N, C-alpha and C. Protein backbone atom coordinates (compact mmCIF):
# COMPACT_ATOMS: atom_id res chain seq x y z
N VAL A 1 17.67 9.45 12.33
CA VAL A 1 18.01 8.86 11.04
C VAL A 1 16.79 8.93 10.14
N ARG A 2 16.96 9.46 8.93
CA ARG A 2 15.88 9.56 7.94
C ARG A 2 16.28 8.77 6.70
N LEU A 3 15.51 7.77 6.37
CA LEU A 3 15.80 6.91 5.23
C LEU A 3 14.84 7.22 4.09
N VAL A 4 15.36 7.52 2.92
CA VAL A 4 14.54 7.80 1.74
C VAL A 4 14.82 6.69 0.74
N ILE A 5 13.81 5.86 0.47
CA ILE A 5 14.01 4.62 -0.28
C ILE A 5 13.43 4.73 -1.68
N ASP A 6 14.31 4.93 -2.64
CA ASP A 6 13.95 5.02 -4.05
C ASP A 6 13.80 3.61 -4.62
N ARG A 7 12.97 3.48 -5.67
CA ARG A 7 12.77 2.20 -6.36
C ARG A 7 12.22 1.12 -5.42
N ALA A 8 11.32 1.51 -4.55
CA ALA A 8 10.63 0.51 -3.73
C ALA A 8 9.66 -0.27 -4.62
N GLY A 9 9.55 -1.55 -4.38
CA GLY A 9 8.62 -2.36 -5.16
C GLY A 9 9.21 -2.81 -6.48
N CYS A 10 8.34 -3.03 -7.44
CA CYS A 10 8.76 -3.56 -8.75
C CYS A 10 9.53 -2.50 -9.54
N VAL A 11 10.71 -2.88 -10.02
CA VAL A 11 11.53 -1.94 -10.81
C VAL A 11 11.59 -2.34 -12.28
N GLY A 12 10.88 -3.41 -12.64
CA GLY A 12 10.77 -3.78 -14.05
C GLY A 12 12.10 -4.06 -14.72
N GLN A 13 12.45 -3.25 -15.70
CA GLN A 13 13.61 -3.52 -16.54
C GLN A 13 14.94 -3.17 -15.88
N ASP A 14 14.93 -2.67 -14.65
CA ASP A 14 16.19 -2.55 -13.91
C ASP A 14 16.75 -3.94 -13.60
N GLY A 15 15.87 -4.94 -13.62
CA GLY A 15 16.34 -6.31 -13.50
C GLY A 15 16.03 -6.96 -12.16
N GLU A 16 16.15 -8.29 -12.16
CA GLU A 16 15.72 -9.08 -11.00
C GLU A 16 16.57 -8.83 -9.76
N THR A 17 17.81 -8.38 -9.93
CA THR A 17 18.66 -8.12 -8.76
C THR A 17 18.32 -6.79 -8.09
N HIS A 18 17.49 -5.97 -8.74
CA HIS A 18 17.19 -4.64 -8.22
C HIS A 18 15.76 -4.51 -7.68
N GLN A 19 15.00 -5.59 -7.70
CA GLN A 19 13.61 -5.51 -7.24
C GLN A 19 13.56 -5.07 -5.77
N GLY A 20 12.65 -4.13 -5.47
CA GLY A 20 12.57 -3.57 -4.12
C GLY A 20 11.44 -4.16 -3.30
N PHE A 21 11.48 -5.48 -3.10
CA PHE A 21 10.38 -6.18 -2.44
C PHE A 21 10.66 -6.54 -0.98
N TYR A 22 11.75 -6.00 -0.41
CA TYR A 22 12.20 -6.52 0.88
C TYR A 22 12.35 -5.46 1.97
N ASP A 23 12.24 -4.19 1.62
CA ASP A 23 12.60 -3.13 2.57
C ASP A 23 11.65 -3.04 3.76
N ILE A 24 10.36 -3.21 3.54
CA ILE A 24 9.42 -3.16 4.67
C ILE A 24 9.78 -4.25 5.67
N ALA A 25 10.05 -5.45 5.15
CA ALA A 25 10.31 -6.61 6.01
C ALA A 25 11.55 -6.39 6.86
N PHE A 26 12.67 -5.93 6.25
CA PHE A 26 13.87 -5.82 7.08
C PHE A 26 13.85 -4.59 7.97
N MET A 27 13.15 -3.53 7.56
CA MET A 27 13.08 -2.35 8.42
C MET A 27 12.13 -2.55 9.60
N ALA A 28 11.05 -3.29 9.38
CA ALA A 28 10.06 -3.47 10.44
C ALA A 28 10.62 -4.19 11.66
N ALA A 29 11.76 -4.86 11.49
CA ALA A 29 12.40 -5.55 12.61
C ALA A 29 13.16 -4.59 13.52
N LEU A 30 13.35 -3.34 13.09
CA LEU A 30 14.13 -2.38 13.87
C LEU A 30 13.24 -1.71 14.92
N PRO A 31 13.66 -1.69 16.18
CA PRO A 31 12.84 -1.07 17.23
C PRO A 31 12.58 0.41 16.95
N HIS A 32 11.35 0.83 17.16
CA HIS A 32 10.93 2.24 17.14
C HIS A 32 10.88 2.88 15.75
N ILE A 33 11.24 2.16 14.69
CA ILE A 33 11.26 2.81 13.38
C ILE A 33 9.84 3.05 12.89
N LYS A 34 9.65 4.15 12.16
CA LYS A 34 8.40 4.46 11.48
C LYS A 34 8.63 4.28 9.98
N ILE A 35 7.65 3.70 9.29
CA ILE A 35 7.78 3.43 7.86
C ILE A 35 6.58 4.00 7.12
N LEU A 36 6.83 4.91 6.19
CA LEU A 36 5.79 5.54 5.39
C LEU A 36 5.92 5.12 3.93
N SER A 37 4.80 5.18 3.22
CA SER A 37 4.81 4.85 1.79
C SER A 37 3.94 5.86 1.05
N ALA A 38 4.52 6.50 0.03
CA ALA A 38 3.84 7.56 -0.70
C ALA A 38 3.10 7.01 -1.92
N ARG A 39 1.83 7.39 -2.06
CA ARG A 39 1.05 6.88 -3.18
C ARG A 39 1.27 7.66 -4.47
N ASP A 40 1.72 8.91 -4.36
CA ASP A 40 1.98 9.72 -5.56
C ASP A 40 3.05 10.76 -5.24
N ALA A 41 3.41 11.55 -6.26
CA ALA A 41 4.51 12.50 -6.10
C ALA A 41 4.18 13.61 -5.11
N GLN A 42 2.93 14.08 -5.12
CA GLN A 42 2.56 15.15 -4.19
C GLN A 42 2.64 14.68 -2.74
N GLU A 43 2.19 13.45 -2.50
CA GLU A 43 2.28 12.91 -1.15
C GLU A 43 3.73 12.70 -0.74
N LEU A 44 4.57 12.30 -1.69
CA LEU A 44 5.99 12.13 -1.39
C LEU A 44 6.61 13.45 -0.94
N VAL A 45 6.27 14.54 -1.63
CA VAL A 45 6.78 15.85 -1.25
C VAL A 45 6.36 16.19 0.18
N GLN A 46 5.09 15.92 0.50
CA GLN A 46 4.61 16.21 1.85
C GLN A 46 5.31 15.34 2.90
N MET A 47 5.53 14.08 2.57
CA MET A 47 6.21 13.18 3.51
C MET A 47 7.66 13.63 3.73
N LEU A 48 8.34 14.02 2.66
CA LEU A 48 9.72 14.47 2.80
C LEU A 48 9.79 15.76 3.62
N SER A 49 8.82 16.63 3.42
CA SER A 49 8.76 17.86 4.21
C SER A 49 8.53 17.53 5.69
N PHE A 50 7.68 16.53 5.94
CA PHE A 50 7.42 16.08 7.32
C PHE A 50 8.70 15.51 7.93
N LEU A 51 9.45 14.73 7.16
CA LEU A 51 10.67 14.10 7.65
C LEU A 51 11.70 15.11 8.13
N ARG A 52 11.73 16.26 7.46
CA ARG A 52 12.74 17.27 7.81
C ARG A 52 12.66 17.69 9.27
N ASN A 53 11.44 17.67 9.81
CA ASN A 53 11.23 18.15 11.17
C ASN A 53 10.90 17.04 12.16
N TYR A 54 11.04 15.80 11.73
CA TYR A 54 10.71 14.67 12.61
C TYR A 54 11.98 14.22 13.33
N ASN A 55 11.99 14.32 14.65
CA ASN A 55 13.17 13.99 15.43
C ASN A 55 12.89 13.00 16.56
N GLU A 56 11.77 12.27 16.47
CA GLU A 56 11.38 11.39 17.56
C GLU A 56 11.99 9.99 17.45
N GLY A 57 12.68 9.71 16.36
CA GLY A 57 13.29 8.40 16.18
C GLY A 57 13.54 8.14 14.71
N PRO A 58 14.01 6.95 14.36
CA PRO A 58 14.27 6.63 12.95
C PRO A 58 12.98 6.59 12.14
N ILE A 59 13.04 7.09 10.91
CA ILE A 59 11.85 7.12 10.06
C ILE A 59 12.27 6.89 8.61
N ALA A 60 11.43 6.22 7.86
CA ALA A 60 11.72 5.92 6.46
C ALA A 60 10.50 6.21 5.60
N VAL A 61 10.74 6.59 4.36
CA VAL A 61 9.67 6.73 3.38
C VAL A 61 10.09 6.00 2.11
N ARG A 62 9.18 5.20 1.57
CA ARG A 62 9.47 4.43 0.34
C ARG A 62 8.64 4.97 -0.81
N PHE A 63 9.25 4.97 -2.00
CA PHE A 63 8.49 5.38 -3.18
C PHE A 63 9.01 4.59 -4.39
N PRO A 64 8.16 4.41 -5.40
CA PRO A 64 8.47 3.48 -6.48
C PRO A 64 9.23 4.11 -7.64
N LYS A 65 9.65 3.26 -8.55
CA LYS A 65 10.17 3.71 -9.84
C LYS A 65 8.96 4.00 -10.73
N LYS A 66 8.62 5.24 -10.87
CA LYS A 66 7.42 5.61 -11.62
C LYS A 66 7.47 7.08 -11.99
N GLU A 67 6.98 7.39 -13.18
CA GLU A 67 6.86 8.78 -13.58
C GLU A 67 5.46 9.27 -13.26
N PHE A 68 5.38 10.49 -12.74
CA PHE A 68 4.09 11.10 -12.44
C PHE A 68 3.92 12.37 -13.25
N ALA A 69 2.68 12.76 -13.44
CA ALA A 69 2.40 14.02 -14.13
C ALA A 69 2.96 15.18 -13.31
N SER A 70 3.35 16.24 -13.99
CA SER A 70 3.89 17.41 -13.30
C SER A 70 2.82 18.04 -12.42
N PHE A 71 3.25 18.73 -11.37
CA PHE A 71 2.32 19.37 -10.46
C PHE A 71 3.01 20.58 -9.84
N ASP A 72 2.24 21.36 -9.11
CA ASP A 72 2.76 22.58 -8.49
C ASP A 72 3.52 22.22 -7.22
N LEU A 73 4.84 22.19 -7.32
CA LEU A 73 5.67 21.81 -6.19
C LEU A 73 5.55 22.82 -5.05
N SER A 74 5.50 24.08 -5.37
CA SER A 74 5.44 25.10 -4.32
C SER A 74 4.16 24.97 -3.50
N ALA A 75 3.05 24.61 -4.15
CA ALA A 75 1.78 24.43 -3.43
C ALA A 75 1.88 23.25 -2.47
N ALA A 76 2.52 22.16 -2.92
CA ALA A 76 2.67 20.98 -2.06
C ALA A 76 3.53 21.30 -0.85
N LEU A 77 4.54 22.14 -1.04
CA LEU A 77 5.45 22.48 0.06
C LEU A 77 4.81 23.45 1.06
N LYS A 78 3.72 24.09 0.64
CA LYS A 78 3.07 25.06 1.52
C LYS A 78 2.11 24.41 2.53
N VAL A 79 1.84 23.11 2.37
CA VAL A 79 0.96 22.43 3.32
C VAL A 79 1.62 22.46 4.70
N PRO A 80 0.99 23.05 5.70
CA PRO A 80 1.61 23.14 7.04
C PRO A 80 1.91 21.76 7.60
N VAL A 81 3.14 21.55 8.03
CA VAL A 81 3.55 20.25 8.57
C VAL A 81 2.69 19.86 9.76
N LYS A 82 2.31 20.85 10.58
CA LYS A 82 1.51 20.55 11.77
C LYS A 82 0.13 20.01 11.42
N LYS A 83 -0.36 20.30 10.22
CA LYS A 83 -1.68 19.83 9.80
C LYS A 83 -1.61 18.52 9.01
N TYR A 84 -0.40 18.05 8.79
CA TYR A 84 -0.22 16.84 7.98
C TYR A 84 0.24 15.70 8.89
N ASP A 85 -0.56 14.66 8.98
CA ASP A 85 -0.24 13.52 9.83
C ASP A 85 -0.15 12.26 8.96
N PRO A 86 1.05 11.87 8.54
CA PRO A 86 1.19 10.71 7.66
C PRO A 86 0.96 9.38 8.36
N PHE A 87 0.79 9.40 9.68
CA PHE A 87 0.56 8.16 10.42
C PHE A 87 -0.92 7.78 10.45
N THR A 88 -1.73 8.51 9.71
CA THR A 88 -3.14 8.19 9.57
C THR A 88 -3.41 7.68 8.15
N ALA A 89 -4.42 6.83 8.03
CA ALA A 89 -4.83 6.33 6.72
C ALA A 89 -5.78 7.34 6.06
N VAL A 90 -5.92 7.20 4.75
CA VAL A 90 -6.82 8.07 3.99
C VAL A 90 -7.79 7.20 3.20
N SER A 91 -9.09 7.43 3.40
CA SER A 91 -10.10 6.73 2.62
C SER A 91 -10.23 7.42 1.26
N LEU A 92 -9.90 6.68 0.20
CA LEU A 92 -9.92 7.26 -1.15
C LEU A 92 -11.26 7.05 -1.84
N ALA A 93 -12.02 6.05 -1.41
CA ALA A 93 -13.34 5.79 -1.98
C ALA A 93 -14.11 4.91 -1.00
N LYS A 94 -15.38 5.18 -0.84
CA LYS A 94 -16.21 4.44 0.10
C LYS A 94 -16.81 3.18 -0.53
N GLY A 95 -17.13 2.21 0.32
CA GLY A 95 -17.76 0.99 -0.13
C GLY A 95 -18.28 0.22 1.07
N THR A 96 -19.08 -0.80 0.81
CA THR A 96 -19.77 -1.50 1.90
C THR A 96 -19.41 -2.97 2.06
N GLN A 97 -18.90 -3.63 1.02
CA GLN A 97 -18.71 -5.08 1.07
C GLN A 97 -17.26 -5.51 1.26
N VAL A 98 -16.35 -4.78 0.65
CA VAL A 98 -14.93 -5.15 0.65
C VAL A 98 -14.12 -3.94 1.09
N LEU A 99 -13.08 -4.18 1.90
CA LEU A 99 -12.12 -3.13 2.24
C LEU A 99 -10.80 -3.47 1.59
N ILE A 100 -10.34 -2.60 0.68
CA ILE A 100 -9.04 -2.76 0.04
C ILE A 100 -8.08 -1.79 0.70
N LEU A 101 -7.09 -2.33 1.41
CA LEU A 101 -6.04 -1.51 2.00
C LEU A 101 -4.87 -1.49 1.03
N SER A 102 -4.58 -0.33 0.47
CA SER A 102 -3.51 -0.24 -0.51
C SER A 102 -2.27 0.37 0.10
N GLU A 103 -1.13 -0.05 -0.39
CA GLU A 103 0.16 0.47 0.04
C GLU A 103 0.78 1.24 -1.12
N GLY A 104 1.13 2.49 -0.87
CA GLY A 104 1.88 3.27 -1.85
C GLY A 104 1.19 3.42 -3.19
N VAL A 105 1.98 3.23 -4.24
CA VAL A 105 1.53 3.50 -5.60
C VAL A 105 0.39 2.58 -6.04
N PHE A 106 0.19 1.48 -5.34
CA PHE A 106 -0.90 0.57 -5.72
C PHE A 106 -2.28 1.14 -5.39
N ALA A 107 -2.34 2.32 -4.81
CA ALA A 107 -3.63 2.97 -4.60
C ALA A 107 -4.36 3.15 -5.93
N ALA A 108 -3.63 3.49 -6.98
CA ALA A 108 -4.24 3.69 -8.30
C ALA A 108 -4.83 2.38 -8.82
N HIS A 109 -4.11 1.27 -8.64
CA HIS A 109 -4.62 -0.03 -9.06
C HIS A 109 -5.86 -0.41 -8.24
N ALA A 110 -5.84 -0.09 -6.95
CA ALA A 110 -6.98 -0.41 -6.09
C ALA A 110 -8.22 0.33 -6.55
N LEU A 111 -8.07 1.59 -6.89
CA LEU A 111 -9.21 2.40 -7.35
C LEU A 111 -9.73 1.89 -8.70
N ALA A 112 -8.81 1.50 -9.59
CA ALA A 112 -9.23 0.96 -10.89
C ALA A 112 -9.95 -0.38 -10.71
N ALA A 113 -9.44 -1.22 -9.81
CA ALA A 113 -10.10 -2.50 -9.52
C ALA A 113 -11.48 -2.26 -8.92
N ARG A 114 -11.59 -1.24 -8.09
CA ARG A 114 -12.88 -0.91 -7.47
C ARG A 114 -13.94 -0.62 -8.53
N GLU A 115 -13.53 0.11 -9.58
CA GLU A 115 -14.48 0.42 -10.65
C GLU A 115 -14.93 -0.85 -11.37
N LEU A 116 -14.01 -1.78 -11.57
CA LEU A 116 -14.37 -3.05 -12.21
C LEU A 116 -15.29 -3.87 -11.32
N LEU A 117 -15.04 -3.85 -10.02
CA LEU A 117 -15.90 -4.58 -9.08
C LEU A 117 -17.30 -3.98 -9.05
N ALA A 118 -17.39 -2.66 -9.17
CA ALA A 118 -18.69 -2.01 -9.15
C ALA A 118 -19.57 -2.51 -10.30
N LYS A 119 -18.93 -2.81 -11.44
CA LYS A 119 -19.68 -3.33 -12.59
C LYS A 119 -20.24 -4.72 -12.31
N ALA A 120 -19.59 -5.42 -11.35
CA ALA A 120 -20.06 -6.75 -10.95
C ALA A 120 -20.94 -6.67 -9.69
N LYS A 121 -21.40 -5.45 -9.36
CA LYS A 121 -22.28 -5.21 -8.21
C LYS A 121 -21.58 -5.50 -6.88
N ILE A 122 -20.27 -5.26 -6.82
CA ILE A 122 -19.51 -5.42 -5.58
C ILE A 122 -19.03 -4.04 -5.15
N SER A 123 -19.38 -3.67 -3.94
CA SER A 123 -19.04 -2.35 -3.42
C SER A 123 -17.77 -2.44 -2.57
N ALA A 124 -16.72 -1.73 -2.99
CA ALA A 124 -15.43 -1.81 -2.30
C ALA A 124 -14.98 -0.44 -1.82
N GLU A 125 -14.48 -0.41 -0.59
CA GLU A 125 -13.84 0.80 -0.06
C GLU A 125 -12.34 0.68 -0.28
N VAL A 126 -11.72 1.78 -0.69
CA VAL A 126 -10.26 1.81 -0.87
C VAL A 126 -9.67 2.75 0.16
N MET A 127 -8.73 2.24 0.93
CA MET A 127 -8.06 3.05 1.96
C MET A 127 -6.55 2.97 1.74
N ASP A 128 -5.92 4.12 1.60
CA ASP A 128 -4.46 4.20 1.50
C ASP A 128 -3.90 4.19 2.92
N VAL A 129 -3.14 3.15 3.26
CA VAL A 129 -2.71 2.97 4.64
C VAL A 129 -1.64 4.00 5.05
N ARG A 130 -0.83 4.46 4.09
CA ARG A 130 0.23 5.46 4.26
C ARG A 130 1.32 5.06 5.26
N SER A 131 0.95 4.72 6.48
CA SER A 131 1.91 4.35 7.51
C SER A 131 1.89 2.83 7.70
N LEU A 132 3.03 2.20 7.44
CA LEU A 132 3.15 0.75 7.60
C LEU A 132 3.59 0.38 9.01
N ARG A 133 4.30 1.30 9.62
CA ARG A 133 4.69 1.12 11.02
C ARG A 133 4.83 2.49 11.64
N PRO A 134 3.95 2.87 12.57
CA PRO A 134 2.84 2.05 13.08
C PRO A 134 1.68 2.03 12.09
N LEU A 135 0.94 0.95 12.09
CA LEU A 135 -0.28 0.89 11.29
C LEU A 135 -1.38 1.73 11.93
N PRO A 136 -2.20 2.39 11.13
CA PRO A 136 -3.34 3.13 11.68
C PRO A 136 -4.47 2.15 12.02
N LEU A 137 -4.22 1.34 13.04
CA LEU A 137 -5.05 0.16 13.31
C LEU A 137 -6.49 0.52 13.68
N ALA A 138 -6.67 1.58 14.46
CA ALA A 138 -8.04 1.95 14.86
C ALA A 138 -8.87 2.31 13.63
N GLN A 139 -8.29 3.05 12.70
CA GLN A 139 -9.01 3.42 11.47
C GLN A 139 -9.33 2.18 10.65
N ILE A 140 -8.37 1.29 10.56
CA ILE A 140 -8.58 0.07 9.77
C ILE A 140 -9.70 -0.77 10.38
N GLN A 141 -9.69 -0.92 11.68
CA GLN A 141 -10.73 -1.72 12.34
C GLN A 141 -12.11 -1.10 12.16
N ARG A 142 -12.20 0.22 12.21
CA ARG A 142 -13.50 0.87 11.96
C ARG A 142 -13.97 0.61 10.53
N ALA A 143 -13.04 0.69 9.59
CA ALA A 143 -13.40 0.48 8.18
C ALA A 143 -13.78 -0.97 7.90
N MET A 144 -13.25 -1.90 8.69
CA MET A 144 -13.54 -3.33 8.49
C MET A 144 -14.96 -3.70 8.90
N LYS A 145 -15.59 -2.91 9.73
CA LYS A 145 -16.91 -3.27 10.26
C LYS A 145 -17.92 -3.42 9.13
N GLY A 146 -18.59 -4.56 9.13
CA GLY A 146 -19.62 -4.83 8.13
C GLY A 146 -19.10 -5.34 6.80
N LYS A 147 -17.77 -5.42 6.64
CA LYS A 147 -17.20 -5.88 5.37
C LYS A 147 -17.10 -7.41 5.35
N LYS A 148 -17.29 -7.98 4.17
CA LYS A 148 -17.17 -9.42 4.00
C LYS A 148 -15.73 -9.88 3.81
N LEU A 149 -14.88 -8.96 3.32
CA LEU A 149 -13.52 -9.35 2.95
C LEU A 149 -12.57 -8.19 3.15
N LEU A 150 -11.41 -8.49 3.73
CA LEU A 150 -10.31 -7.54 3.85
C LEU A 150 -9.26 -7.91 2.81
N VAL A 151 -8.84 -6.94 2.03
CA VAL A 151 -7.83 -7.15 0.99
C VAL A 151 -6.65 -6.22 1.26
N THR A 152 -5.43 -6.77 1.29
CA THR A 152 -4.25 -5.93 1.34
C THR A 152 -3.55 -6.01 -0.02
N LEU A 153 -3.15 -4.86 -0.52
CA LEU A 153 -2.54 -4.77 -1.85
C LEU A 153 -1.24 -4.00 -1.70
N GLU A 154 -0.11 -4.66 -1.94
CA GLU A 154 1.17 -4.02 -1.67
C GLU A 154 2.20 -4.28 -2.77
N ASN A 155 3.01 -3.26 -3.02
CA ASN A 155 4.10 -3.31 -3.98
C ASN A 155 5.36 -3.79 -3.24
N HIS A 156 5.27 -5.01 -2.72
CA HIS A 156 6.29 -5.56 -1.83
C HIS A 156 6.07 -7.06 -1.76
N GLY A 157 7.04 -7.79 -1.26
CA GLY A 157 6.85 -9.21 -1.06
C GLY A 157 5.83 -9.48 0.03
N LEU A 158 5.12 -10.58 -0.10
CA LEU A 158 4.11 -10.92 0.90
C LEU A 158 4.75 -11.30 2.23
N THR A 159 5.99 -11.77 2.20
CA THR A 159 6.68 -12.12 3.45
C THR A 159 7.17 -10.85 4.14
N GLY A 160 6.61 -10.57 5.31
CA GLY A 160 7.08 -9.44 6.11
C GLY A 160 6.56 -8.08 5.71
N GLY A 161 5.63 -8.04 4.77
CA GLY A 161 5.09 -6.77 4.29
C GLY A 161 3.82 -6.36 5.01
N LEU A 162 3.01 -5.56 4.33
CA LEU A 162 1.77 -5.03 4.91
C LEU A 162 0.86 -6.15 5.41
N ALA A 163 0.68 -7.19 4.60
CA ALA A 163 -0.23 -8.27 4.99
C ALA A 163 0.21 -8.92 6.29
N ASP A 164 1.49 -9.24 6.39
CA ASP A 164 2.00 -9.89 7.60
C ASP A 164 1.91 -8.96 8.81
N LEU A 165 2.27 -7.69 8.62
CA LEU A 165 2.22 -6.73 9.73
C LEU A 165 0.79 -6.55 10.22
N LEU A 166 -0.16 -6.48 9.28
CA LEU A 166 -1.55 -6.31 9.66
C LEU A 166 -2.12 -7.54 10.34
N ASP A 167 -1.80 -8.72 9.81
CA ASP A 167 -2.27 -9.96 10.44
C ASP A 167 -1.80 -10.04 11.89
N ALA A 168 -0.53 -9.70 12.13
CA ALA A 168 0.01 -9.75 13.49
C ALA A 168 -0.71 -8.75 14.39
N ALA A 169 -0.97 -7.56 13.88
CA ALA A 169 -1.64 -6.53 14.67
C ALA A 169 -3.07 -6.93 15.00
N LEU A 170 -3.78 -7.50 14.02
CA LEU A 170 -5.16 -7.91 14.26
C LEU A 170 -5.24 -9.09 15.23
N ARG A 171 -4.26 -9.99 15.14
CA ARG A 171 -4.23 -11.10 16.11
C ARG A 171 -4.06 -10.55 17.52
N GLY A 172 -3.22 -9.52 17.64
CA GLY A 172 -3.03 -8.91 18.95
C GLY A 172 -4.29 -8.31 19.51
N GLN A 173 -5.19 -7.87 18.62
CA GLN A 173 -6.48 -7.32 19.03
C GLN A 173 -7.58 -8.36 19.06
N LYS A 174 -7.20 -9.63 18.76
CA LYS A 174 -8.15 -10.75 18.68
C LYS A 174 -9.27 -10.48 17.67
N VAL A 175 -8.88 -9.85 16.55
CA VAL A 175 -9.81 -9.57 15.45
C VAL A 175 -9.55 -10.57 14.33
N ARG A 176 -10.63 -11.19 13.86
CA ARG A 176 -10.50 -12.14 12.76
C ARG A 176 -11.39 -11.71 11.60
N SER A 177 -10.86 -11.85 10.40
CA SER A 177 -11.62 -11.47 9.21
C SER A 177 -11.05 -12.22 8.01
N PRO A 178 -11.89 -12.65 7.06
CA PRO A 178 -11.35 -13.20 5.82
C PRO A 178 -10.41 -12.19 5.17
N HIS A 179 -9.19 -12.63 4.83
CA HIS A 179 -8.15 -11.72 4.36
C HIS A 179 -7.52 -12.26 3.08
N LEU A 180 -7.58 -11.46 2.03
CA LEU A 180 -6.92 -11.78 0.77
C LEU A 180 -5.68 -10.90 0.66
N ALA A 181 -4.51 -11.51 0.70
CA ALA A 181 -3.24 -10.78 0.65
C ALA A 181 -2.70 -10.80 -0.77
N LEU A 182 -2.58 -9.61 -1.37
CA LEU A 182 -2.09 -9.48 -2.74
C LEU A 182 -0.75 -8.74 -2.74
N GLY A 183 0.26 -9.40 -3.27
CA GLY A 183 1.60 -8.84 -3.34
C GLY A 183 2.48 -9.82 -4.10
N TYR A 184 3.78 -9.66 -3.97
CA TYR A 184 4.71 -10.53 -4.71
C TYR A 184 5.11 -11.73 -3.86
N PRO A 185 5.18 -12.91 -4.47
CA PRO A 185 5.50 -14.12 -3.71
C PRO A 185 6.99 -14.18 -3.37
N GLU A 186 7.33 -15.13 -2.51
CA GLU A 186 8.71 -15.30 -2.09
C GLU A 186 9.48 -16.08 -3.15
N GLU A 187 9.83 -15.39 -4.22
CA GLU A 187 10.62 -15.97 -5.30
C GLU A 187 11.33 -14.85 -6.05
N ILE A 188 12.29 -15.21 -6.89
CA ILE A 188 13.00 -14.22 -7.68
C ILE A 188 12.08 -13.75 -8.81
N VAL A 189 11.71 -12.48 -8.79
CA VAL A 189 10.81 -11.93 -9.80
C VAL A 189 11.65 -11.51 -11.00
N PRO A 190 11.32 -11.97 -12.20
CA PRO A 190 12.20 -11.77 -13.36
C PRO A 190 12.17 -10.35 -13.93
N HIS A 191 13.10 -10.12 -14.83
CA HIS A 191 13.20 -8.88 -15.60
C HIS A 191 11.99 -8.74 -16.53
N GLY A 192 11.54 -7.52 -16.75
CA GLY A 192 10.44 -7.26 -17.67
C GLY A 192 9.86 -5.89 -17.40
N SER A 193 8.90 -5.48 -18.20
CA SER A 193 8.25 -4.20 -17.93
C SER A 193 7.42 -4.31 -16.66
N ILE A 194 7.25 -3.20 -15.96
CA ILE A 194 6.49 -3.23 -14.70
C ILE A 194 5.08 -3.72 -14.95
N GLY A 195 4.44 -3.22 -16.03
CA GLY A 195 3.08 -3.64 -16.34
C GLY A 195 2.96 -5.13 -16.58
N ASP A 196 3.93 -5.69 -17.34
CA ASP A 196 3.90 -7.13 -17.63
C ASP A 196 4.12 -7.95 -16.36
N ILE A 197 5.03 -7.49 -15.50
CA ILE A 197 5.31 -8.22 -14.26
C ILE A 197 4.09 -8.19 -13.34
N GLU A 198 3.47 -7.02 -13.22
CA GLU A 198 2.27 -6.93 -12.38
C GLU A 198 1.18 -7.86 -12.89
N ASP A 199 1.00 -7.91 -14.20
CA ASP A 199 -0.02 -8.79 -14.77
C ASP A 199 0.33 -10.26 -14.53
N MET A 200 1.61 -10.59 -14.65
CA MET A 200 2.07 -11.96 -14.45
C MET A 200 1.75 -12.46 -13.03
N TYR A 201 1.84 -11.55 -12.07
CA TYR A 201 1.63 -11.93 -10.67
C TYR A 201 0.24 -11.56 -10.16
N GLY A 202 -0.67 -11.30 -11.08
CA GLY A 202 -2.06 -11.05 -10.69
C GLY A 202 -2.28 -9.73 -10.00
N LEU A 203 -1.45 -8.71 -10.33
CA LEU A 203 -1.52 -7.43 -9.65
C LEU A 203 -1.89 -6.27 -10.57
N SER A 204 -2.40 -6.59 -11.75
CA SER A 204 -2.99 -5.56 -12.60
C SER A 204 -4.42 -5.32 -12.12
N PRO A 205 -5.03 -4.16 -12.39
CA PRO A 205 -6.39 -3.91 -11.89
C PRO A 205 -7.39 -4.99 -12.25
N ALA A 206 -7.35 -5.48 -13.49
CA ALA A 206 -8.31 -6.51 -13.91
C ALA A 206 -8.12 -7.79 -13.11
N LYS A 207 -6.88 -8.18 -12.88
CA LYS A 207 -6.64 -9.43 -12.15
C LYS A 207 -6.88 -9.26 -10.65
N ILE A 208 -6.63 -8.06 -10.13
CA ILE A 208 -6.97 -7.80 -8.73
C ILE A 208 -8.47 -7.97 -8.53
N ALA A 209 -9.25 -7.36 -9.42
CA ALA A 209 -10.71 -7.46 -9.33
C ALA A 209 -11.17 -8.92 -9.45
N ALA A 210 -10.55 -9.68 -10.38
CA ALA A 210 -10.92 -11.08 -10.57
C ALA A 210 -10.60 -11.91 -9.31
N ARG A 211 -9.46 -11.63 -8.68
CA ARG A 211 -9.09 -12.37 -7.49
C ARG A 211 -10.01 -12.04 -6.31
N ILE A 212 -10.45 -10.81 -6.24
CA ILE A 212 -11.40 -10.44 -5.19
C ILE A 212 -12.75 -11.12 -5.43
N ARG A 213 -13.19 -11.13 -6.68
CA ARG A 213 -14.45 -11.81 -6.99
C ARG A 213 -14.37 -13.29 -6.64
N LYS A 214 -13.23 -13.92 -6.95
CA LYS A 214 -13.06 -15.34 -6.63
C LYS A 214 -13.09 -15.55 -5.12
N ALA A 215 -12.43 -14.66 -4.36
CA ALA A 215 -12.42 -14.79 -2.90
C ALA A 215 -13.81 -14.65 -2.31
N LEU A 216 -14.65 -13.87 -2.99
CA LEU A 216 -16.03 -13.69 -2.53
C LEU A 216 -16.95 -14.81 -3.03
N GLY A 217 -16.39 -15.69 -3.86
CA GLY A 217 -17.20 -16.77 -4.39
C GLY A 217 -17.98 -16.41 -5.63
N GLN A 218 -17.59 -15.27 -6.25
CA GLN A 218 -18.28 -14.83 -7.46
C GLN A 218 -17.37 -15.07 -8.66
N HIS A 219 -17.84 -15.81 -9.62
CA HIS A 219 -17.01 -16.12 -10.79
C HIS A 219 -17.72 -15.62 -12.04
N LYS A 220 -16.94 -15.54 -13.12
CA LYS A 220 -17.51 -15.08 -14.39
C LYS A 220 -18.55 -16.10 -14.88
């Protein structure tokens, strides 16, 4: 079974009944399922190409309501499936003090927040987790070493999403770390533009950076 989940996360003006904040939570309860999240259109193409040949069990890929710049589709399709492993995380930027684990399209917000943090003399690493189930736990634990704060940033509800899945996995490894979980709360998120809704819930780059600074004890 291959599940392709359109409009994952905030859908803005599609309305409050269409918000995609629940799919990770209800899918993660299914035995053996794999859950992927694409950060951009090129990665989505690669994930879909990977799905075509994946026969080891149920698998899902989620992607948001978002327009991306055009790109060379044929080049993306030429990436050999055998060389592409979506169950591994990708480090998008290095840092020493904070580890930001981003889910899907929020990778762009994480990178923008990282630039704002750099201006405040805070060094942050951004890692795109890509696979929500299974989590690339060994990579995450290596990246956590020496960091003061672990941040999860997800276009999903905080209940049952990346933050919860990671907390459970780290408890299983008896790993403890200060953790700032950024995502949507357990409430009905109203109609509005995606940008306005993200800002309302503290998920715009500026507010992400401010919340990280507050968690570190650094204020304006």
